[in-house]
Amino acid sequence: MPRFAANLTMLFNEVPFLDRFERAAQCGFEAVEFLFPYAWQPGEIKERLDRHRLQLVLHNLPAGDWYAGDRGIACDPTRTGEFREGVQLAMRYATALGVRQLNCLIGKAPVGVPPQALRETVVGNVAHAAEVLARSDLRLLIEPINAFDIPGFWLNRTSDALSIMDEVGAPNLFLQYDAYHAQRTEGELAATIEKHLPRIAHIQVADNPGRHEPGTGEIDHAFLFAHLDRLAYQGWVGCEYKPAGATEAGLVWRERLAPQAARRS
């Protein structure tokens, strides 16, 4: 069964961020992920990872001013310099924290920029990031996001992400497949994962509607987890959902929907 990583941006968020590592370990997680590490010094995070014997499996490149509404800047031709500085910063954090892959949030399309200019900007920025990260043997991931949760987000569909990957042609460029976003945009979760599995480096889950725990909505996660097992998926599955109540109480889904994984952890 899949190996699950706790998303510390969304889980255990009733306590300060650095205290969430302990909570994740206490709940049996062996790995974590989160959006951004940049508000803390690398040593602060590394100390928590080491103390609680946790592996960090993913974080994102800097995505602009998140609290001002930015959701990535890779498609903005006026912020290419800022994007490239962010790649360098992310690489320094990744090296210090031992994470082997970084996700690039493409961002919301700026108003008034022609579609071809947007694509050229994305391709150029993604190619640059992949080349820089390859020097440290790091993977770069790109992730389609549904347009209901983030209106205006430039990259929405799996096929569009694969098209960008094909054009860039970097061997260290992979797809981050978020089943929640894919369900809202295109469905066909099992078939899409099976078809493109060699190009998928990370999977995330949440149910729909509500983006709550697996098992609270329409996605058949028991089938999906068993499907990943049949396909011998070797990556991590990030638990990037909004707990409907207390995080610990909601974790019963692991035993119910992925019992082998729950027993292993």
Protein backbone atom coordinates (compact mmCIF):
# COMPACT_ATOMS: atom_id res chain seq x y z
CA MET A 1 0.00 0.00 0.00
CA PRO A 2 1.14 3.61 -0.52
CA ARG A 3 3.43 5.46 1.85
CA PHE A 4 1.67 8.52 3.26
CA ALA A 5 3.28 11.87 4.07
CA ALA A 6 1.56 14.37 6.34
CA ASN A 7 1.09 17.81 4.81
CA LEU A 8 2.03 20.09 7.70
CA THR A 9 0.58 23.17 6.07
CA MET A 10 -2.90 21.69 6.44
CA LEU A 11 -2.70 19.00 9.14
CA PHE A 12 -2.21 19.70 12.86
CA ASN A 13 -2.68 23.40 12.12
CA GLU A 14 -4.10 24.07 15.59
CA VAL A 15 -0.47 24.18 16.83
CA PRO A 16 2.51 26.27 15.66
CA PHE A 17 4.24 24.96 12.56
CA LEU A 18 7.40 23.65 14.22
CA ASP A 19 5.32 21.69 16.72
CA ARG A 20 3.50 19.83 13.95
CA PHE A 21 6.47 17.57 13.27
CA GLU A 22 6.11 15.91 16.66
CA ARG A 23 2.37 15.46 16.16
CA ALA A 24 2.92 13.85 12.77
CA ALA A 25 5.44 11.40 14.21
CA GLN A 26 3.14 10.55 17.11
CA CYS A 27 0.43 9.67 14.57
CA GLY A 28 2.69 7.20 12.81
CA PHE A 29 3.82 9.27 9.83
CA GLU A 30 7.37 8.66 8.65
CA ALA A 31 7.42 11.56 6.20
CA VAL A 32 6.09 15.10 5.84
CA GLU A 33 5.59 17.75 3.21
CA PHE A 34 4.51 21.38 3.33
CA LEU A 35 4.07 24.41 1.11
CA PHE A 36 7.03 26.60 2.08
CA PRO A 37 9.95 26.50 4.54
CA TYR A 38 11.16 30.05 3.97
CA ALA A 39 9.73 31.68 7.12
CA TRP A 40 12.11 29.54 9.19
CA GLN A 41 15.83 28.95 9.14
CA PRO A 42 16.81 25.62 7.56
CA GLY A 43 18.41 24.51 10.82
CA GLU A 44 15.16 24.96 12.75
CA ILE A 45 13.30 22.63 10.42
CA LYS A 46 16.18 20.15 10.12
CA GLU A 47 16.34 19.83 13.90
CA ARG A 48 12.65 18.87 14.06
CA LEU A 49 13.01 16.40 11.19
CA ASP A 50 15.96 14.73 12.86
CA ARG A 51 14.48 14.74 16.35
CA HIS A 52 11.31 13.00 15.19
CA ARG A 53 12.97 10.81 12.57
CA LEU A 54 10.94 12.24 9.72
CA GLN A 55 11.77 12.48 6.04
CA LEU A 56 10.87 15.64 4.15
CA VAL A 57 9.57 14.55 0.74
CA LEU A 58 8.41 17.81 -0.85
CA HIS A 59 8.14 21.56 -0.59
CA ASN A 60 7.48 24.29 -3.15
CA LEU A 61 9.61 26.89 -4.84
CA PRO A 62 8.88 30.41 -3.57
CA ALA A 63 5.54 31.48 -5.03
CA GLY A 64 5.54 35.25 -4.64
CA ASP A 65 3.56 37.00 -1.91
CA TRP A 66 1.15 34.26 -0.82
CA TYR A 67 -0.77 36.47 1.60
CA ALA A 68 -1.29 39.11 -1.08
CA GLY A 69 -2.86 36.50 -3.37
CA ASP A 70 0.08 35.18 -5.38
CA ARG A 71 -0.10 31.47 -6.14
CA GLY A 72 3.15 31.21 -8.04
CA ILE A 73 4.94 33.53 -10.44
CA ALA A 74 6.29 31.18 -13.13
CA CYS A 75 3.86 32.49 -15.77
CA ASP A 76 4.47 36.21 -15.14
CA PRO A 77 6.94 37.65 -17.68
CA THR A 78 7.58 40.70 -15.48
CA ARG A 79 8.85 38.56 -12.56
CA THR A 80 11.36 36.24 -14.22
CA GLY A 81 14.24 37.61 -12.15
CA GLU A 82 12.30 37.05 -8.94
CA PHE A 83 11.43 33.52 -10.02
CA ARG A 84 15.06 32.65 -10.73
CA GLU A 85 16.20 34.05 -7.40
CA GLY A 86 13.57 31.84 -5.79
CA VAL A 87 15.00 28.76 -7.51
CA GLN A 88 18.37 29.46 -5.92
CA LEU A 89 16.79 29.94 -2.49
CA ALA A 90 14.77 26.73 -2.80
CA MET A 91 17.85 24.78 -3.81
CA ARG A 92 19.71 25.97 -0.72
CA TYR A 93 16.84 24.88 1.51
CA ALA A 94 16.47 21.55 -0.27
CA THR A 95 20.16 20.82 0.17
CA ALA A 96 20.01 21.64 3.88
CA LEU A 97 16.78 19.71 4.51
CA GLY A 98 17.55 16.64 2.42
CA VAL A 99 14.49 16.90 0.22
CA ARG A 100 14.98 15.48 -3.28
CA GLN A 101 12.13 17.15 -5.18
CA LEU A 102 10.61 20.62 -5.35
CA ASN A 103 7.24 21.64 -6.75
CA CYS A 104 6.77 24.70 -8.94
CA LEU A 105 3.39 26.42 -8.62
CA ILE A 106 2.88 28.07 -12.01
CA GLY A 107 0.59 30.81 -10.74
CA LYS A 108 -2.38 32.84 -11.89
CA ALA A 109 -2.17 34.32 -15.37
CA PRO A 110 -1.54 38.08 -15.22
CA VAL A 111 -4.19 40.16 -16.95
CA GLY A 112 -3.44 41.41 -20.44
CA VAL A 113 -0.57 39.08 -21.31
CA PRO A 114 -1.08 37.21 -24.62
CA PRO A 115 -1.46 33.42 -24.28
CA GLN A 116 1.70 32.68 -26.28
CA ALA A 117 3.75 35.00 -24.07
CA LEU A 118 2.42 33.23 -20.99
CA ARG A 119 3.41 29.83 -22.35
CA GLU A 120 6.84 31.01 -23.43
CA THR A 121 7.41 32.43 -19.94
CA VAL A 122 6.36 29.18 -18.28
CA VAL A 123 8.53 27.06 -20.57
CA GLY A 124 11.53 29.33 -20.05
CA ASN A 125 11.18 29.44 -16.28
CA VAL A 126 10.52 25.72 -15.90
CA ALA A 127 13.47 24.89 -18.16
CA HIS A 128 15.73 27.18 -16.13
CA ALA A 129 14.58 25.71 -12.82
CA ALA A 130 15.01 22.14 -14.03
CA GLU A 131 18.52 22.87 -15.27
CA VAL A 132 19.57 24.54 -12.01
CA LEU A 133 18.09 21.81 -9.81
CA ALA A 134 19.68 19.07 -11.91
CA ARG A 135 23.10 20.33 -10.81
CA SER A 136 22.21 19.16 -7.29
CA ASP A 137 20.45 15.98 -8.50
CA LEU A 138 17.03 17.41 -7.58
CA ARG A 139 13.74 16.82 -9.34
CA LEU A 140 11.40 19.62 -10.40
CA LEU A 141 7.66 18.98 -10.33
CA ILE A 142 4.79 20.95 -11.87
CA GLU A 143 1.20 20.62 -10.67
CA PRO A 144 -2.14 21.31 -12.36
CA ILE A 145 -4.58 23.14 -10.03
CA ASN A 146 -8.34 23.30 -10.51
CA ALA A 147 -9.83 26.65 -11.51
CA PHE A 148 -12.62 26.45 -8.91
CA ASP A 149 -10.27 26.69 -5.93
CA ILE A 150 -7.86 29.11 -7.60
CA PRO A 151 -9.61 31.03 -10.38
CA GLY A 152 -7.19 32.13 -13.07
CA PHE A 153 -4.54 29.53 -12.29
CA TRP A 154 -2.68 29.01 -15.56
CA LEU A 155 -2.12 25.24 -15.44
CA ASN A 156 -5.31 23.21 -14.94
CA ARG A 157 -5.12 19.88 -16.74
CA THR A 158 -2.80 16.88 -16.77
CA SER A 159 -2.48 17.06 -20.56
CA ASP A 160 -1.33 20.69 -20.38
CA ALA A 161 1.30 19.86 -17.78
CA LEU A 162 2.59 16.98 -19.90
CA SER A 163 2.75 19.30 -22.91
CA ILE A 164 4.98 21.70 -20.96
CA MET A 165 7.13 18.78 -19.82
CA ASP A 166 7.48 17.58 -23.42
CA GLU A 167 8.51 21.03 -24.64
CA VAL A 168 11.06 21.52 -21.86
CA GLY A 169 12.42 17.99 -22.28
CA ALA A 170 14.33 17.90 -19.00
CA PRO A 171 14.95 14.40 -17.58
CA ASN A 172 14.45 15.66 -14.00
CA LEU A 173 11.05 17.26 -14.72
CA PHE A 174 8.03 15.33 -13.44
CA LEU A 175 4.31 15.68 -12.76
CA GLN A 176 2.85 16.22 -9.32
CA TYR A 177 -0.57 14.60 -9.54
CA ASP A 178 -3.06 15.94 -7.01
CA ALA A 179 -6.10 13.66 -7.18
CA TYR A 180 -8.37 16.29 -5.62
CA HIS A 181 -7.54 18.91 -8.25
CA ALA A 182 -7.75 16.31 -11.01
CA GLN A 183 -11.15 15.11 -9.82
CA ARG A 184 -12.55 18.63 -9.93
CA THR A 185 -11.10 19.33 -13.37
CA GLU A 186 -11.12 16.11 -15.38
CA GLY A 187 -11.83 12.93 -13.39
CA GLU A 188 -10.44 9.66 -14.79
CA LEU A 189 -8.07 9.35 -11.83
CA ALA A 190 -7.12 5.68 -12.07
CA ALA A 191 -6.72 5.62 -15.85
CA THR A 192 -4.68 8.83 -15.89
CA ILE A 193 -2.33 7.63 -13.16
CA GLU A 194 -1.83 4.29 -14.88
CA LYS A 195 -1.18 5.86 -18.28
CA HIS A 196 1.32 8.43 -17.03
CA LEU A 197 2.81 6.71 -13.98
CA PRO A 198 6.44 6.88 -15.21
CA ARG A 199 6.11 10.67 -15.37
CA ILE A 200 4.48 11.08 -11.94
CA ALA A 201 6.88 11.69 -9.05
CA HIS A 202 4.41 12.63 -6.31
CA ILE A 203 0.70 12.16 -5.63
CA GLN A 204 -1.52 14.10 -3.24
CA VAL A 205 -5.00 13.27 -1.99
CA ALA A 206 -8.08 14.92 -0.51
CA ASP A 207 -11.74 14.14 -1.05
CA ASN A 208 -14.32 16.13 -2.96
CA PRO A 209 -16.41 18.09 -2.12
CA GLY A 210 -14.85 19.99 0.75
CA ARG A 211 -11.23 18.92 0.35
CA HIS A 212 -11.50 16.93 3.58
CA GLU A 213 -10.16 13.51 4.59
CA PRO A 214 -10.24 10.59 2.17
CA GLY A 215 -13.53 8.79 2.63
CA THR A 216 -15.63 11.89 3.23
CA GLY A 217 -16.67 12.48 -0.38
CA GLU A 218 -17.08 11.01 -3.83
CA ILE A 219 -13.60 9.63 -4.55
CA ASP A 220 -13.18 5.89 -3.98
CA HIS A 221 -9.88 6.12 -2.14
CA ALA A 222 -9.85 2.45 -1.12
CA PHE A 223 -9.88 1.56 -4.81
CA LEU A 224 -7.34 4.28 -5.65
CA PHE A 225 -4.86 3.16 -2.98
CA ALA A 226 -5.19 -0.46 -4.05
CA HIS A 227 -4.71 0.67 -7.65
CA LEU A 228 -1.45 2.41 -6.73
CA ASP A 229 -0.35 -0.79 -5.04
CA ARG A 230 -1.16 -2.85 -8.15
CA LEU A 231 0.84 -0.40 -10.26
CA ALA A 232 3.79 -0.64 -7.83
CA TYR A 233 3.87 3.14 -7.39
CA GLN A 234 7.11 3.90 -5.53
CA GLY A 235 6.55 7.54 -4.58
CA TRP A 236 4.87 9.14 -1.59
CA VAL A 237 1.22 10.13 -1.25
CA GLY A 238 0.85 13.51 0.39
CA CYS A 239 -2.15 13.99 2.68
CA GLU A 240 -2.99 17.53 1.59
CA TYR A 241 -6.50 17.93 2.94
CA LYS A 242 -8.41 20.16 5.33
CA PRO A 243 -9.33 18.12 8.42
CA ALA A 244 -13.09 18.22 8.98
CA GLY A 245 -12.39 18.24 12.74
CA ALA A 246 -9.33 17.47 14.82
CA THR A 247 -6.56 16.02 12.67
CA GLU A 248 -5.99 12.96 14.88
CA ALA A 249 -9.68 12.04 14.94
CA GLY A 250 -9.87 12.15 11.17
CA LEU A 251 -6.90 9.83 10.64
CA VAL A 252 -9.09 6.76 11.04
CA TRP A 253 -9.34 6.81 7.25
CA ARG A 254 -5.88 5.19 7.04
CA GLU A 255 -7.01 2.03 8.80
CA ARG A 256 -10.30 1.91 6.91
CA LEU A 257 -9.10 2.74 3.39
CA ALA A 258 -5.45 1.69 3.45
CA PRO A 259 -5.13 -0.86 6.28
CA GLN A 260 -1.83 -2.36 5.16
CA ALA A 261 -0.21 1.07 5.05
CA ALA A 262 -1.64 1.97 8.44
CA ARG A 263 -0.24 -1.21 10.00
CA ARG A 264 3.17 -0.61 8.43
CA SER A 265 3.40 2.90 9.86
